[in-house]
Amino acid sequence: MLDHDLDLVFRALGDRTRRALVERLVRGPASVSELAEPLTMSLAAVVQHLQVLEAAGIVRSDKVGRVRTCRVEPAVLRAGEQWLERQRTAWESKLDRLGDFLAEPPGTSEGSTS
């Protein structure tokens, strides 16, 4: 996945309402009206949130008759998860090295002039 695509994913997930919609869709497909039901906003506002999620590739929708059904795209979420995992691994490695350095007795680190 391109960095630009990840930008769209993280920007879309930066909103609490959109995260709630994704959390609901992870459990299975749902119609737009089903997604809107528990929310305290207009159907039009929910549709706008879904459009942002679709533009990021996180959600896909299909229309049959008058019903638009949405489903999550796991591969896109997985790409974001993999990026976060790489960052976590890099930071844990750096923190481990810092911990090792701080645990060394004074005067035993490389570059010491003792």
C-alpha atoms as a PDB file:
ATOM      1  CA  MET A   1       0.000   0.000   0.000  1.00  0.00           C
ATOM      2  CA  LEU A   2       1.310   3.446  -0.897  1.00  0.00           C
ATOM      3  CA  ASP A   3       2.010   6.026   1.807  1.00  0.00           C
ATOM      4  CA  HIS A   4      -0.679   8.246   0.272  1.00  0.00           C
ATOM      5  CA  ASP A   5      -3.188   5.429   0.692  1.00  0.00           C
ATOM      6  CA  LEU A   6      -2.138   5.000   4.315  1.00  0.00           C
ATOM      7  CA  ASP A   7      -2.619   8.741   4.803  1.00  0.00           C
ATOM      8  CA  LEU A   8      -6.224   8.326   3.650  1.00  0.00           C
ATOM      9  CA  VAL A   9      -6.744   5.331   5.924  1.00  0.00           C
ATOM     10  CA  PHE A  10      -5.397   7.022   9.039  1.00  0.00           C
ATOM     11  CA  ARG A  11      -7.178  10.294   8.250  1.00  0.00           C
ATOM     12  CA  ALA A  12     -10.451   8.390   7.857  1.00  0.00           C
ATOM     13  CA  LEU A  13      -9.899   6.485  11.094  1.00  0.00           C
ATOM     14  CA  GLY A  14      -9.044   9.709  12.915  1.00  0.00           C
ATOM     15  CA  ASP A  15     -12.737  10.373  13.459  1.00  0.00           C
ATOM     16  CA  ARG A  16     -14.595   8.693  16.336  1.00  0.00           C
ATOM     17  CA  THR A  17     -17.804   8.206  14.341  1.00  0.00           C
ATOM     18  CA  ARG A  18     -15.981   6.563  11.448  1.00  0.00           C
ATOM     19  CA  ARG A  19     -14.141   4.252  13.867  1.00  0.00           C
ATOM     20  CA  ALA A  20     -17.512   3.285  15.358  1.00  0.00           C
ATOM     21  CA  LEU A  21     -18.847   2.509  11.885  1.00  0.00           C
ATOM     22  CA  VAL A  22     -15.808   0.341  11.125  1.00  0.00           C
ATOM     23  CA  GLU A  23     -16.149  -1.443  14.485  1.00  0.00           C
ATOM     24  CA  ARG A  24     -19.755  -2.269  13.611  1.00  0.00           C
ATOM     25  CA  LEU A  25     -18.851  -3.441  10.096  1.00  0.00           C
ATOM     26  CA  VAL A  26     -16.097  -5.721  11.407  1.00  0.00           C
ATOM     27  CA  ARG A  27     -18.933  -7.825  12.856  1.00  0.00           C
ATOM     28  CA  GLY A  28     -20.505  -8.136   9.383  1.00  0.00           C
ATOM     29  CA  PRO A  29     -22.153  -6.217   6.547  1.00  0.00           C
ATOM     30  CA  ALA A  30     -24.895  -3.717   7.397  1.00  0.00           C
ATOM     31  CA  SER A  31     -27.193  -1.366   5.551  1.00  0.00           C
ATOM     32  CA  VAL A  32     -26.664   2.367   5.836  1.00  0.00           C
ATOM     33  CA  SER A  33     -29.868   2.696   7.862  1.00  0.00           C
ATOM     34  CA  GLU A  34     -28.693  -0.041  10.262  1.00  0.00           C
ATOM     35  CA  LEU A  35     -25.398   1.786  10.689  1.00  0.00           C
ATOM     36  CA  ALA A  36     -27.179   5.100  11.299  1.00  0.00           C
ATOM     37  CA  GLU A  37     -29.706   3.733  13.801  1.00  0.00           C
ATOM     38  CA  PRO A  38     -27.604   3.951  16.993  1.00  0.00           C
ATOM     39  CA  LEU A  39     -25.994   7.278  16.044  1.00  0.00           C
ATOM     40  CA  THR A  40     -27.289  10.689  17.048  1.00  0.00           C
ATOM     41  CA  MET A  41     -26.877  12.297  13.626  1.00  0.00           C
ATOM     42  CA  SER A  42     -28.775  12.560  10.388  1.00  0.00           C
ATOM     43  CA  LEU A  43     -28.694   9.838   7.772  1.00  0.00           C
ATOM     44  CA  ALA A  44     -26.994  12.324   5.426  1.00  0.00           C
ATOM     45  CA  ALA A  45     -24.178  12.828   7.952  1.00  0.00           C
ATOM     46  CA  VAL A  46     -23.692   9.063   8.261  1.00  0.00           C
ATOM     47  CA  VAL A  47     -23.533   8.802   4.463  1.00  0.00           C
ATOM     48  CA  GLN A  48     -20.807  11.463   4.412  1.00  0.00           C
ATOM     49  CA  HIS A  49     -18.770   9.487   6.959  1.00  0.00           C
ATOM     50  CA  LEU A  50     -19.226   6.340   4.886  1.00  0.00           C
ATOM     51  CA  GLN A  51     -18.056   8.187   1.780  1.00  0.00           C
ATOM     52  CA  VAL A  52     -14.812   9.108   3.550  1.00  0.00           C
ATOM     53  CA  LEU A  53     -14.329   5.460   4.566  1.00  0.00           C
ATOM     54  CA  GLU A  54     -15.037   4.336   0.986  1.00  0.00           C
ATOM     55  CA  ALA A  55     -12.603   6.891  -0.459  1.00  0.00           C
ATOM     56  CA  ALA A  56      -9.921   5.472   1.843  1.00  0.00           C
ATOM     57  CA  GLY A  57     -10.784   1.939   0.705  1.00  0.00           C
ATOM     58  CA  ILE A  58     -11.744   0.816   4.209  1.00  0.00           C
ATOM     59  CA  VAL A  59     -15.397   0.229   3.346  1.00  0.00           C
ATOM     60  CA  ARG A  60     -17.086  -1.012   0.202  1.00  0.00           C
ATOM     61  CA  SER A  61     -20.795  -0.680  -0.487  1.00  0.00           C
ATOM     62  CA  ASP A  62     -23.216  -2.268  -2.900  1.00  0.00           C
ATOM     63  CA  LYS A  63     -26.680  -1.056  -3.750  1.00  0.00           C
ATOM     64  CA  VAL A  64     -29.487  -3.512  -4.411  1.00  0.00           C
ATOM     65  CA  GLY A  65     -32.772  -1.755  -5.057  1.00  0.00           C
ATOM     66  CA  ARG A  66     -33.056   0.993  -2.470  1.00  0.00           C
ATOM     67  CA  VAL A  67     -30.756  -0.642   0.088  1.00  0.00           C
ATOM     68  CA  ARG A  68     -27.050   0.191   0.243  1.00  0.00           C
ATOM     69  CA  THR A  69     -25.102  -2.446   2.156  1.00  0.00           C
ATOM     70  CA  CYS A  70     -21.622  -1.713   3.477  1.00  0.00           C
ATOM     71  CA  ARG A  71     -18.827  -4.102   4.349  1.00  0.00           C
ATOM     72  CA  VAL A  72     -15.322  -3.610   5.624  1.00  0.00           C
ATOM     73  CA  GLU A  73     -12.281  -4.277   3.433  1.00  0.00           C
ATOM     74  CA  PRO A  74      -9.966  -6.295   5.720  1.00  0.00           C
ATOM     75  CA  ALA A  75      -6.914  -5.987   3.454  1.00  0.00           C
ATOM     76  CA  VAL A  76      -6.895  -2.199   3.804  1.00  0.00           C
ATOM     77  CA  LEU A  77      -7.185  -2.387   7.582  1.00  0.00           C
ATOM     78  CA  ARG A  78      -4.449  -5.030   7.591  1.00  0.00           C
ATOM     79  CA  ALA A  79      -2.101  -2.689   5.702  1.00  0.00           C
ATOM     80  CA  GLY A  80      -2.592  -0.028   8.378  1.00  0.00           C
ATOM     81  CA  GLU A  81      -2.080  -2.621  11.089  1.00  0.00           C
ATOM     82  CA  GLN A  82       1.160  -3.792   9.456  1.00  0.00           C
ATOM     83  CA  TRP A  83       2.478  -0.226   9.302  1.00  0.00           C
ATOM     84  CA  LEU A  84       1.686   0.273  12.987  1.00  0.00           C
ATOM     85  CA  GLU A  85       3.343  -3.063  13.823  1.00  0.00           C
ATOM     86  CA  ARG A  86       6.544  -2.010  12.029  1.00  0.00           C
ATOM     87  CA  GLN A  87       6.601   1.235  14.010  1.00  0.00           C
ATOM     88  CA  ARG A  88       5.968  -0.594  17.291  1.00  0.00           C
ATOM     89  CA  THR A  89       8.754  -3.076  16.551  1.00  0.00           C
ATOM     90  CA  ALA A  90      11.209  -0.281  15.702  1.00  0.00           C
ATOM     91  CA  TRP A  91      10.380   1.654  18.873  1.00  0.00           C
ATOM     92  CA  GLU A  92      10.574  -1.436  21.067  1.00  0.00           C
ATOM     93  CA  SER A  93      14.018  -2.173  19.639  1.00  0.00           C
ATOM     94  CA  LYS A  94      15.164   1.382  20.365  1.00  0.00           C
ATOM     95  CA  LEU A  95      13.740   1.265  23.874  1.00  0.00           C
ATOM     96  CA  ASP A  96      15.412  -2.107  24.500  1.00  0.00           C
ATOM     97  CA  ARG A  97      18.768  -0.638  23.450  1.00  0.00           C
ATOM     98  CA  LEU A  98      18.192   2.380  25.687  1.00  0.00           C
ATOM     99  CA  GLY A  99      17.303   0.071  28.574  1.00  0.00           C
ATOM    100  CA  ASP A 100      20.493  -1.929  28.003  1.00  0.00           C
ATOM    101  CA  PHE A 101      22.532   1.272  27.903  1.00  0.00           C
ATOM    102  CA  LEU A 102      20.971   2.590  31.116  1.00  0.00           C
ATOM    103  CA  ALA A 103      21.516  -0.751  32.849  1.00  0.00           C
ATOM    104  CA  GLU A 104      25.260  -0.691  32.175  1.00  0.00           C
ATOM    105  CA  PRO A 105      27.417   0.292  35.129  1.00  0.00           C
ATOM    106  CA  PRO A 106      28.988   3.752  34.718  1.00  0.00           C
ATOM    107  CA  GLY A 107      32.202   3.738  32.726  1.00  0.00           C
ATOM    108  CA  THR A 108      31.556   0.484  30.818  1.00  0.00           C
ATOM    109  CA  SER A 109      29.822   1.899  27.761  1.00  0.00           C
ATOM    110  CA  GLU A 110      31.562   2.094  24.397  1.00  0.00           C
ATOM    111  CA  GLY A 111      33.439   5.285  23.882  1.00  0.00           C
ATOM    112  CA  SER A 112      34.273   5.617  27.556  1.00  0.00           C
ATOM    113  CA  THR A 113      37.600   7.362  28.181  1.00  0.00           C
ATOM    114  CA  SER A 114      38.423   5.637  31.470  1.00  0.00           C
END
